């Protein structure tokens, strides 16, 4: 259970372990590799009287073949299978309330080309996925078994216009099927065909300055929860209702980027905007419910009512980072860092998109010499007390101070490192504004770790 300012966050314990085993066979410029990754953990759910017991096993395949057949340079084939399961167990009795199982596989093949016609490089490929989800025990009240299958074709290409201007284009078409059972208990099979495309210009204005402009139109099919949720979700303390009549969500976006590298100073900045058609979001109505789905216009229920809705929406944002070499110290530059980001999101017809990230501003120093290194970052996370969505409560802003110091004692092995890392060193009270249970769960207080990292 981690410490918070003034006490301890109850039921926040964590215990996890994992292992992986993998290998690759390399011949000429080709490779075929496989791995198995397993992970187990037990962790509490802050604000609830239950904990999670989960396990996951993944089998992975990675391969790459240097064909060098004309303009076709490389063929990559990747795939994987994941078997995931977790149970929600009552703290007091040890009884299993719900068990969730997810069995998923995916495969991807991609052909990489050199110069083809007007393009200096190109890629085409296909991707396939299938996911079977099931909930047992009390979890069956939230979501009955679902199966989601998808296949996609995609292509990318780069076309140079002179030495300083490049055009990047991409396209993707998917076929998605989602089988499930909505609240009327009649099994339903839904099909979607999202089509997405993008085009971007990259302009090297000078040797130091690069400008980018990207226009995209991206679509996605609704997820299983957005379509078929129908009951209590204990981990977020919500009673959720999906809508099987949802159509595809689409975002038309424009982004402008700037990158400047003047040697002792580097600047990265971006401004972007997105216009969503049929944006899907989970709206908390302000009512509360019990486990049986009886909802009232007061706070007498233990669960907040969350209804998935679909409306138009507008997002826009900006972010930037400036790094400046201030001085040389022991053969390495001492760098000053300044960063900031901001996001704004509104719904068509009035209203705010719920759980939008607050703004951040920060500054710090960084120094990384061959044997020693360190730095700190002071970052302010803005308050979310204006432009709130329905039933969304205010979240106070907070200042966070993070720092680290590193020592590499072995001159002939720089990959052996001892590090002291500190987070929230001022022990400020912090809450995650985008979390559904932020009013009950406080983020960790002051944290200091001594770490040893080694690579052979």
Protein backbone atom coordinates (compact mmCIF):
# COMPACT_ATOMS: atom_id res chain seq x y z
CA UNK A 1 0.00 0.00 0.00
CA UNK A 2 1.69 3.21 -1.12
CA UNK A 3 2.02 6.34 1.01
CA UNK A 4 0.09 9.50 0.25
CA UNK A 5 0.38 12.91 1.92
CA UNK A 6 -0.99 12.44 5.43
CA UNK A 7 -1.44 8.68 5.34
CA UNK A 8 -1.71 5.55 3.21
CA UNK A 9 -3.83 4.76 0.16
CA UNK A 10 -5.78 1.74 1.33
CA UNK A 11 -5.95 -1.34 -0.88
CA UNK A 12 -3.23 -0.06 -3.22
CA UNK A 13 -0.86 -3.00 -2.75
CA UNK A 14 0.93 -4.62 -5.67
CA UNK A 15 2.89 -7.85 -6.10
CA UNK A 16 4.01 -8.96 -9.56
CA UNK A 17 6.53 -11.18 -11.30
CA UNK A 18 7.22 -12.28 -14.83
CA UNK A 19 9.65 -13.96 -17.17
CA UNK A 20 10.38 -14.16 -20.86
CA UNK A 21 12.36 -16.53 -23.04
CA UNK A 22 13.16 -15.89 -26.66
CA UNK A 23 15.65 -16.44 -29.42
CA UNK A 24 16.33 -15.72 -33.07
CA UNK A 25 18.02 -17.56 -35.90
CA UNK A 26 19.95 -15.25 -38.22
CA UNK A 27 21.13 -16.26 -41.67
CA UNK A 28 22.54 -13.86 -44.26
CA UNK A 29 20.36 -10.76 -43.75
CA UNK A 30 17.33 -12.77 -42.63
CA UNK A 31 16.02 -13.61 -39.19
CA UNK A 32 13.34 -15.78 -37.61
CA UNK A 33 12.60 -15.32 -33.91
CA UNK A 34 10.12 -16.46 -31.30
CA UNK A 35 9.47 -15.69 -27.64
CA UNK A 36 7.22 -16.60 -24.73
CA UNK A 37 6.35 -13.92 -22.15
CA UNK A 38 4.50 -14.67 -18.91
CA UNK A 39 3.33 -12.27 -16.20
CA UNK A 40 1.48 -12.70 -12.89
CA UNK A 41 0.34 -10.05 -10.46
CA UNK A 42 -1.93 -9.39 -7.52
CA UNK A 43 -2.95 -5.79 -6.84
CA UNK A 44 -5.58 -3.92 -4.90
CA UNK A 45 -8.28 -1.66 -6.31
CA UNK A 46 -8.06 1.62 -4.34
CA UNK A 47 -11.49 2.73 -3.19
CA UNK A 48 -12.93 -0.80 -3.49
CA UNK A 49 -13.10 -3.85 -1.21
CA UNK A 50 -11.57 -6.25 -3.72
CA UNK A 51 -8.26 -7.08 -5.34
CA UNK A 52 -7.18 -8.42 -8.73
CA UNK A 53 -5.41 -11.72 -9.35
CA UNK A 54 -4.23 -11.76 -12.98
CA UNK A 55 -2.03 -13.80 -15.28
CA UNK A 56 -1.07 -13.43 -18.90
CA UNK A 57 0.94 -15.51 -21.36
CA UNK A 58 2.05 -14.31 -24.78
CA UNK A 59 3.67 -16.22 -27.64
CA UNK A 60 5.37 -13.98 -30.21
CA UNK A 61 6.84 -14.49 -33.69
CA UNK A 62 9.08 -12.00 -35.49
CA UNK A 63 10.73 -12.58 -38.84
CA UNK A 64 12.35 -10.55 -41.59
CA UNK A 65 13.53 -11.74 -45.01
CA UNK A 66 15.84 -9.73 -47.28
CA UNK A 67 14.43 -10.69 -50.66
CA UNK A 68 16.11 -7.99 -52.77
CA UNK A 69 13.92 -8.90 -55.73
CA UNK A 70 13.93 -5.76 -57.87
CA UNK A 71 12.34 -2.93 -55.91
CA UNK A 72 11.05 -5.38 -53.26
CA UNK A 73 13.64 -5.23 -50.49
CA UNK A 74 12.26 -6.87 -47.36
CA UNK A 75 9.32 -9.01 -46.27
CA UNK A 76 8.42 -9.01 -42.57
CA UNK A 77 6.02 -11.47 -40.96
CA UNK A 78 4.93 -11.02 -37.35
CA UNK A 79 2.34 -12.69 -35.17
CA UNK A 80 1.33 -13.36 -31.64
CA UNK A 81 -1.15 -14.96 -29.28
CA UNK A 82 -2.13 -13.72 -25.82
CA UNK A 83 -4.09 -15.57 -23.14
CA UNK A 84 -5.20 -13.19 -20.37
CA UNK A 85 -7.27 -13.82 -17.24
CA UNK A 86 -8.02 -11.89 -14.09
CA UNK A 87 -10.33 -12.43 -11.15
CA UNK A 88 -11.77 -9.85 -8.78
CA UNK A 89 -11.54 -11.30 -5.26
CA UNK A 90 -13.28 -9.94 -2.16
CA UNK A 91 -10.80 -8.77 0.48
CA UNK A 92 -12.80 -9.91 3.50
CA UNK A 93 -14.03 -13.33 2.36
CA UNK A 94 -11.56 -14.34 -0.35
CA UNK A 95 -14.46 -15.22 -2.64
CA UNK A 96 -14.15 -14.71 -6.37
CA UNK A 97 -16.73 -12.20 -7.53
CA UNK A 98 -15.90 -11.97 -11.24
CA UNK A 99 -13.46 -13.54 -13.67
CA UNK A 100 -12.58 -11.99 -17.02
CA UNK A 101 -10.89 -13.94 -19.81
CA UNK A 102 -9.45 -12.62 -23.04
CA UNK A 103 -7.99 -14.83 -25.77
CA UNK A 104 -6.46 -12.87 -28.65
CA UNK A 105 -4.22 -13.45 -31.66
CA UNK A 106 -2.90 -11.18 -34.38
CA UNK A 107 -0.77 -11.50 -37.51
CA UNK A 108 0.86 -8.94 -39.77
CA UNK A 109 2.73 -9.18 -43.07
CA UNK A 110 4.47 -6.20 -44.65
CA UNK A 111 6.47 -5.79 -47.86
CA UNK A 112 9.02 -2.94 -47.96
CA UNK A 113 9.96 -1.48 -51.33
CA UNK A 114 12.67 0.86 -52.53
CA UNK A 115 12.09 3.31 -55.36
CA UNK A 116 8.84 2.60 -57.23
CA UNK A 117 7.72 5.10 -59.86
CA UNK A 118 7.47 8.55 -58.22
CA UNK A 119 8.05 7.09 -54.73
CA UNK A 120 11.46 6.79 -53.10
CA UNK A 121 10.15 4.14 -50.68
CA UNK A 122 6.86 2.32 -50.10
CA UNK A 123 5.25 -0.42 -48.04
CA UNK A 124 2.11 -2.52 -48.39
CA UNK A 125 0.75 -5.05 -45.98
CA UNK A 126 -2.10 -6.84 -44.27
CA UNK A 127 -3.10 -7.33 -40.66
CA UNK A 128 -5.45 -9.83 -39.01
CA UNK A 129 -6.78 -9.95 -35.44
CA UNK A 130 -9.28 -11.95 -33.43
CA UNK A 131 -10.34 -11.45 -29.82
CA UNK A 132 -12.64 -13.62 -27.70
CA UNK A 133 -13.75 -12.07 -24.41
CA UNK A 134 -15.81 -13.67 -21.67
CA UNK A 135 -16.83 -12.75 -18.12
CA UNK A 136 -17.81 -15.27 -15.45
CA UNK A 137 -19.58 -14.84 -12.15
CA UNK A 138 -20.75 -11.32 -11.37
CA UNK A 139 -18.80 -10.08 -14.40
CA UNK A 140 -21.45 -11.61 -16.66
CA UNK A 141 -23.80 -8.85 -15.49
CA UNK A 142 -21.44 -6.28 -17.04
CA UNK A 143 -20.70 -7.87 -20.41
CA UNK A 144 -21.73 -11.19 -21.93
CA UNK A 145 -19.19 -13.03 -24.16
CA UNK A 146 -18.05 -11.12 -27.24
CA UNK A 147 -15.88 -11.90 -30.25
CA UNK A 148 -14.17 -9.25 -32.36
CA UNK A 149 -12.47 -10.11 -35.62
CA UNK A 150 -10.76 -7.77 -38.05
CA UNK A 151 -8.65 -7.79 -41.18
CA UNK A 152 -7.00 -4.83 -42.86
CA UNK A 153 -4.99 -3.80 -45.88
CA UNK A 154 -2.65 -0.81 -45.68
CA UNK A 155 -0.05 1.06 -47.71
CA UNK A 156 2.50 3.84 -47.11
CA UNK A 157 4.72 5.76 -49.52
CA UNK A 158 7.27 8.60 -49.57
CA UNK A 159 7.57 10.86 -52.61
CA UNK A 160 10.41 13.43 -52.75
CA UNK A 161 9.87 16.77 -54.50
CA UNK A 162 13.41 18.04 -54.80
CA UNK A 163 15.97 17.82 -52.01
CA UNK A 164 13.98 19.59 -49.28
CA UNK A 165 10.32 18.60 -49.74
CA UNK A 166 8.81 15.16 -49.14
CA UNK A 167 5.23 13.93 -49.45
CA UNK A 168 4.16 11.05 -47.18
CA UNK A 169 0.88 9.26 -47.96
CA UNK A 170 -0.88 6.35 -46.32
CA UNK A 171 -4.18 4.49 -46.47
CA UNK A 172 -5.87 1.68 -44.57
CA UNK A 173 -9.13 -0.20 -45.04
CA UNK A 174 -10.51 -2.59 -42.41
CA UNK A 175 -13.27 -5.15 -42.12
CA UNK A 176 -14.45 -5.50 -38.51
CA UNK A 177 -17.04 -7.86 -37.05
CA UNK A 178 -18.19 -7.61 -33.42
CA UNK A 179 -20.48 -10.31 -32.00
CA UNK A 180 -22.15 -9.80 -28.62
CA UNK A 181 -25.36 -9.57 -26.65
CA UNK A 182 -26.88 -6.18 -25.75
CA UNK A 183 -29.27 -5.52 -22.86
CA UNK A 184 -32.26 -7.07 -24.67
CA UNK A 185 -30.52 -10.50 -24.46
CA UNK A 186 -30.79 -11.04 -28.23
CA UNK A 187 -27.37 -11.99 -29.70
CA UNK A 188 -26.22 -9.57 -32.39
CA UNK A 189 -23.54 -9.57 -35.09
CA UNK A 190 -22.35 -6.17 -36.33
CA UNK A 191 -20.03 -5.37 -39.21
CA UNK A 192 -18.03 -2.21 -39.96
CA UNK A 193 -15.69 -1.10 -42.75
CA UNK A 194 -13.52 1.78 -41.50
CA UNK A 195 -11.43 3.50 -44.18
CA UNK A 196 -8.58 5.84 -43.23
CA UNK A 197 -6.08 7.93 -45.17
CA UNK A 198 -3.41 10.55 -44.51
CA UNK A 199 -1.07 12.86 -46.40
CA UNK A 200 1.82 14.82 -44.97
CA UNK A 201 4.36 17.32 -46.28
CA UNK A 202 7.82 17.48 -44.70
CA UNK A 203 9.78 20.60 -45.65
CA UNK A 204 13.43 21.13 -44.76
CA UNK A 205 13.36 24.92 -44.78
CA UNK A 206 17.04 25.08 -43.79
CA UNK A 207 19.61 22.62 -42.52
CA UNK A 208 18.40 23.44 -38.98
CA UNK A 209 14.65 23.98 -39.47
CA UNK A 210 12.09 21.34 -40.51
CA UNK A 211 8.37 22.03 -40.96
CA UNK A 212 5.63 19.43 -41.27
CA UNK A 213 1.95 19.48 -42.21
CA UNK A 214 -0.30 16.42 -41.96
CA UNK A 215 -3.91 15.98 -43.03
CA UNK A 216 -5.69 12.78 -42.03
CA UNK A 217 -9.11 11.20 -41.95
CA UNK A 218 -9.23 8.21 -39.59
CA UNK A 219 -12.16 5.93 -38.81
CA UNK A 220 -12.61 3.23 -36.20
CA UNK A 221 -15.30 0.71 -35.36
CA UNK A 222 -16.96 0.88 -31.91
CA UNK A 223 -15.43 -1.37 -29.28
CA UNK A 224 -17.14 -4.26 -27.52
CA UNK A 225 -17.82 -2.29 -24.34
CA UNK A 226 -19.20 0.71 -26.22
CA UNK A 227 -21.63 -1.59 -28.03
CA UNK A 228 -22.61 -4.22 -25.46
CA UNK A 229 -21.86 -3.03 -21.88
CA UNK A 230 -24.94 -3.67 -19.76
CA UNK A 231 -24.18 -3.62 -16.05
CA UNK A 232 -21.92 -2.84 -13.07
CA UNK A 233 -18.18 -2.35 -13.52
CA UNK A 234 -16.74 -2.66 -10.04
CA UNK A 235 -13.18 -1.51 -10.83
CA UNK A 236 -14.40 1.97 -11.86
CA UNK A 237 -17.51 1.97 -9.63
CA UNK A 238 -19.78 2.61 -12.62
CA UNK A 239 -22.95 1.11 -14.04
CA UNK A 240 -22.32 1.15 -17.80
CA UNK A 241 -24.72 0.94 -20.73
CA UNK A 242 -23.54 0.55 -24.32
CA UNK A 243 -25.46 1.10 -27.54
CA UNK A 244 -25.45 -1.51 -30.30
CA UNK A 245 -26.81 1.08 -32.78
CA UNK A 246 -23.52 2.99 -32.87
CA UNK A 247 -21.89 3.62 -36.23
CA UNK A 248 -18.23 4.20 -37.05
CA UNK A 249 -16.35 7.07 -35.42
CA UNK A 250 -14.37 9.38 -37.74
CA UNK A 251 -11.80 12.09 -37.00
CA UNK A 252 -10.64 14.58 -39.65
CA UNK A 253 -7.40 16.11 -38.37
CA UNK A 254 -4.80 18.68 -39.30
CA UNK A 255 -1.41 19.00 -37.61
CA UNK A 256 1.51 21.39 -38.07
CA UNK A 257 4.92 20.59 -36.58
CA UNK A 258 8.20 22.47 -36.22
CA UNK A 259 11.61 21.00 -35.41
CA UNK A 260 14.70 23.17 -35.01
CA UNK A 261 18.20 21.91 -34.21
CA UNK A 262 20.67 24.74 -33.91
CA UNK A 263 23.38 22.73 -32.21
CA UNK A 264 23.16 24.23 -28.72
CA UNK A 265 19.37 24.69 -28.90
CA UNK A 266 16.60 22.34 -30.00
CA UNK A 267 12.92 23.16 -30.40
CA UNK A 268 10.00 20.80 -31.04
CA UNK A 269 6.46 22.17 -31.34
CA UNK A 270 3.11 21.05 -32.71
CA UNK A 271 -0.38 22.50 -33.14
CA UNK A 272 -3.26 20.21 -34.10
CA UNK A 273 -7.02 20.03 -34.41
CA UNK A 274 -9.54 17.22 -34.95
CA UNK A 275 -13.19 17.31 -35.98
CA UNK A 276 -14.97 14.14 -34.92
CA UNK A 277 -18.09 12.75 -36.53
CA UNK A 278 -20.02 10.34 -34.29
CA UNK A 279 -17.49 10.60 -31.45
CA UNK A 280 -18.05 7.85 -28.84
CA UNK A 281 -17.58 8.69 -25.17
CA UNK A 282 -18.71 7.49 -21.76
CA UNK A 283 -20.99 10.11 -20.23
CA UNK A 284 -21.60 10.12 -16.48
CA UNK A 285 -25.20 11.30 -16.09
CA UNK A 286 -25.06 12.40 -12.44
CA UNK A 287 -27.36 9.59 -11.32
CA UNK A 288 -26.23 6.67 -9.15
CA UNK A 289 -27.23 3.01 -9.42
CA UNK A 290 -27.18 -0.23 -7.49
CA UNK A 291 -25.88 -3.55 -8.86
CA UNK A 292 -29.34 -4.40 -10.20
CA UNK A 293 -29.43 -1.30 -12.41
CA UNK A 294 -31.91 0.73 -10.36
CA UNK A 295 -30.72 4.31 -10.89
CA UNK A 296 -31.89 7.41 -9.02
CA UNK A 297 -31.26 11.16 -9.26
CA UNK A 298 -29.25 11.23 -6.04
CA UNK A 299 -26.09 9.76 -4.52
CA UNK A 300 -27.75 6.86 -2.72
CA UNK A 301 -26.31 4.23 -5.09
CA UNK A 302 -22.78 2.87 -4.92
CA UNK A 303 -22.20 3.11 -8.69
CA UNK A 304 -22.13 6.16 -10.96
CA UNK A 305 -24.32 5.78 -14.05
CA UNK A 306 -22.22 5.89 -17.25
CA UNK A 307 -23.96 5.79 -20.62
CA UNK A 308 -21.99 5.54 -23.85
CA UNK A 309 -23.10 8.24 -26.28
CA UNK A 310 -22.23 9.29 -29.82
CA UNK A 311 -22.03 12.94 -30.93
CA UNK A 312 -19.86 15.24 -32.96
CA UNK A 313 -16.86 16.72 -31.15
CA UNK A 314 -13.96 19.09 -31.68
CA UNK A 315 -10.48 18.68 -30.23
CA UNK A 316 -7.50 21.00 -30.55
CA UNK A 317 -4.21 21.25 -28.78
CA UNK A 318 -0.63 22.44 -28.76
CA UNK A 319 2.60 21.16 -27.27
CA UNK A 320 6.20 22.26 -27.24
CA UNK A 321 9.62 21.47 -25.81
CA UNK A 322 12.78 23.61 -25.83
CA UNK A 323 16.22 22.30 -24.86
CA UNK A 324 19.21 24.65 -24.55
CA UNK A 325 22.85 23.82 -23.76
CA UNK A 326 23.68 26.18 -20.88
CA UNK A 327 27.27 25.19 -20.11
CA UNK A 328 29.82 22.40 -20.40
CA UNK A 329 30.51 20.39 -17.24
CA UNK A 330 32.98 17.48 -17.06
CA UNK A 331 32.83 16.91 -20.79
CA UNK A 332 29.02 16.94 -21.07
CA UNK A 333 26.55 19.78 -21.67
CA UNK A 334 24.28 20.99 -18.90
CA UNK A 335 20.91 21.35 -20.61
CA UNK A 336 17.95 23.46 -19.64
CA UNK A 337 14.48 22.12 -20.53
CA UNK A 338 11.16 23.95 -20.86
CA UNK A 339 7.96 22.15 -21.91
CA UNK A 340 4.21 22.73 -22.11
CA UNK A 341 1.04 21.15 -23.53
CA UNK A 342 -2.66 22.01 -23.73
CA UNK A 343 -5.81 20.22 -24.96
CA UNK A 344 -9.36 21.54 -25.41
CA UNK A 345 -12.35 19.38 -26.38
CA UNK A 346 -16.03 20.27 -26.82
CA UNK A 347 -19.16 18.46 -27.99
CA UNK A 348 -21.27 19.65 -30.90
CA UNK A 349 -24.43 21.38 -29.72
CA UNK A 350 -22.79 22.43 -26.44
CA UNK A 351 -21.14 20.65 -23.59
CA UNK A 352 -17.68 19.36 -22.74
CA UNK A 353 -15.95 16.10 -23.54
CA UNK A 354 -15.47 14.30 -20.18
CA UNK A 355 -12.12 13.47 -18.62
CA UNK A 356 -9.87 15.64 -20.82
CA UNK A 357 -6.25 15.94 -19.74
CA UNK A 358 -5.33 19.23 -18.01
CA UNK A 359 -2.52 21.45 -19.27
CA UNK A 360 1.10 21.02 -18.16
CA UNK A 361 4.05 23.41 -17.93
CA UNK A 362 7.48 22.45 -16.71
CA UNK A 363 11.17 23.29 -16.57
CA UNK A 364 14.29 21.48 -15.47
CA UNK A 365 17.95 20.64 -15.98
CA UNK A 366 19.64 17.57 -17.44
CA UNK A 367 23.30 16.51 -17.40
CA UNK A 368 24.70 13.22 -18.69
CA UNK A 369 28.48 12.75 -18.56
CA UNK A 370 30.18 9.41 -19.32
CA UNK A 371 30.50 8.41 -15.63
CA UNK A 372 27.89 10.58 -13.89
CA UNK A 373 24.54 12.09 -14.76
CA UNK A 374 21.43 13.57 -13.28
CA UNK A 375 18.75 16.17 -13.50
CA UNK A 376 15.40 17.34 -12.26
CA UNK A 377 12.04 18.44 -13.67
CA UNK A 378 9.53 20.73 -11.98
CA UNK A 379 6.13 20.33 -13.65
CA UNK A 380 2.79 21.92 -12.87
CA UNK A 381 -0.39 20.03 -13.80
CA UNK A 382 -3.23 22.50 -14.22
CA UNK A 383 -6.50 22.42 -12.36
CA UNK A 384 -9.62 21.01 -14.03
CA UNK A 385 -12.19 23.30 -12.41
CA UNK A 386 -13.67 24.97 -15.52
CA UNK A 387 -15.30 23.62 -18.70
CA UNK A 388 -16.39 20.45 -16.89
CA UNK A 389 -18.61 17.76 -18.39
CA UNK A 390 -21.89 16.55 -16.90
CA UNK A 391 -21.41 15.30 -13.30
CA UNK A 392 -17.65 15.84 -13.55
CA UNK A 393 -16.13 17.13 -10.32
CA UNK A 394 -13.28 19.69 -10.14
CA UNK A 395 -9.68 18.51 -9.81
CA UNK A 396 -7.08 20.71 -8.16
CA UNK A 397 -3.80 21.44 -9.91
CA UNK A 398 -0.51 20.35 -8.37
CA UNK A 399 3.24 20.87 -8.61
CA UNK A 400 5.45 17.81 -9.02
CA UNK A 401 9.22 17.71 -8.50
CA UNK A 402 11.05 14.70 -9.94
CA UNK A 403 14.82 14.12 -9.91
CA UNK A 404 17.42 11.46 -10.65
CA UNK A 405 21.14 10.89 -10.20
CA UNK A 406 23.17 8.22 -12.03
CA UNK A 407 26.63 6.69 -11.55
CA UNK A 408 28.43 4.36 -13.97
CA UNK A 409 31.29 2.97 -11.87
CA UNK A 410 32.80 0.67 -14.55
CA UNK A 411 34.75 2.65 -17.12
CA UNK A 412 34.80 -0.23 -19.62
CA UNK A 413 31.10 -1.07 -19.15
CA UNK A 414 28.90 2.05 -19.42
CA UNK A 415 25.80 -0.17 -19.46
CA UNK A 416 26.23 -0.88 -15.73
CA UNK A 417 24.49 1.94 -13.89
CA UNK A 418 23.39 2.75 -10.36
CA UNK A 419 20.58 5.30 -10.17
CA UNK A 420 18.70 7.12 -7.43
CA UNK A 421 15.27 8.21 -8.69
CA UNK A 422 12.79 10.42 -6.85
CA UNK A 423 9.18 11.21 -7.73
CA UNK A 424 6.86 13.81 -6.16
CA UNK A 425 9.68 14.86 -3.86
CA UNK A 426 7.61 17.65 -2.27
CA UNK A 427 4.98 15.07 -1.26
CA UNK A 428 2.11 17.04 -2.83
CA UNK A 429 -1.46 15.73 -2.92
CA UNK A 430 -2.11 14.65 -6.52
CA UNK A 431 -5.18 13.31 -8.31
CA UNK A 432 -5.50 12.05 -11.87
CA UNK A 433 -8.10 14.29 -13.52
CA UNK A 434 -8.94 11.76 -16.27
CA UNK A 435 -9.66 8.88 -13.87
CA UNK A 436 -13.24 7.89 -13.09
CA UNK A 437 -12.37 7.23 -9.44
CA UNK A 438 -10.11 10.26 -8.88
CA UNK A 439 -12.25 11.51 -5.97
CA UNK A 440 -11.51 8.33 -4.03
CA UNK A 441 -7.97 7.55 -5.19
CA UNK A 442 -4.92 9.72 -4.52
CA UNK A 443 -1.72 9.27 -6.53
CA UNK A 444 1.45 8.15 -4.71
CA UNK A 445 3.22 10.63 -2.46
CA UNK A 446 6.99 11.00 -2.19
CA UNK A 447 8.77 8.03 -3.75
CA UNK A 448 12.52 7.31 -3.82
CA UNK A 449 14.03 4.27 -5.54
CA UNK A 450 17.57 2.93 -5.72
CA UNK A 451 17.99 1.05 -9.00
CA UNK A 452 20.75 -1.02 -10.58
CA UNK A 453 20.69 -1.52 -14.34
CA UNK A 454 23.04 -3.81 -16.23
CA UNK A 455 23.38 -5.04 -19.77
CA UNK A 456 25.85 -7.74 -20.83
